[in-house]
Amino acid sequence: MLEPEPKLKANGRDRSALEPAFAEFVDFVSRHKSLTVLSGAGCSTGSGIPEYRDDAGNWKHRKPVQLAEFMSSVGIRRRYWAQSFAGWIRISEAKPNAAHVALASLEKAHRIRCVITQNVDNLHRRAGSRSVIDLHGVLHRVRCFHCRATMSREAFQQQLAERNPGWTATVCEFTPDGDARLAMPDFGAYAVPDCVACGGILKPDVVFFGEAVPPRRVEEASESVRRSEALLVVGSSLMVFSGFRLVRMAQALGKPIAIVNRGTTRADHLAAHKVTADCETMLSRLADDLIKEPDARGLDRRL
């Protein structure tokens, strides 16, 4: 497996300075004209959104709420929505970083056919990517678990504010997926609205732990892998099976796999190329190296 040199130069345009790992990574992408990208939390840490796991794949924060406990306990739903209400600002104000921008640029240059993302922050679309499959949904919608009616998260934030006038809490820590750890032991007084259409339970339009990815979404992601020449994994430890099974599928189909991640992943042994590095650094350098722009005379040149 490939490892970069300890020091990475910010300017990827000096080809003589490219370390062997990066040069082979560029070669991998250059040789495969139809690429599906599978992205994970490591793509969004540069935007200020925490990741669940450390570089070794271990939990950094408390484990997220499970679907079964969310659906069965009013108390857990109150706690979840109070924490999510406080933590939403981290998601709503997050901006795409260099990794998102690089992938959008590579798609525009016809180097990438699709981005399948395990993230729920909507940053790939905000960066300009058009072909995006939100494998685990997005936090920007709220959906009724029973009648499937939806509303915007901003509208639901307003409902929460109106139902809990004067409610305040001290944020101890922002955690992944728009949550926050709060300095309060009791959430019993926190009021959570029900669905106005049917009175059902509202949840963010994301796949909770213990919840299945919608079959149509799985098929769309699988079809993208089938139609691509290769799979590029960026910023994911692949500890969640919904992402890992796409890598196993690519391997079974004989599709070459490359991985860029700061730490170890569940599929390192399946990768033709593995670069242990920050996603922003490597993807922005990759885009700089591959994308052509017209020079002053109207001729194509490499950046």
Foldseek 3Di string as FASTA:
>chain_A
DDEFDPDDDLALPPVVPGGPQLVVVLVVLVVWLEEEEEEEPLQQVVQVADDQADQARHGPDDADDAPVCCQPDPQVVLQFVVQLLVLQVSLVPGAGALLLLLVQLCVVLSSYDAYEYCAQSCRNVVSRHDHYQNQFYHQQKKAFPPPGDIDGPVVQSVVQCVQDPPDDWDFPARHHPRGTDTPDDGSVPRDHAADPVPRGHMDGSGAGVNGDGPPVSLVVLLVSLVPTQAYEYEADLCPDVSVVVSLVSNLVVVRAYEYEHLHHHPCPVSHPHYYNDRSSSSSSSSSQQPDWDQPPVRDTDRD
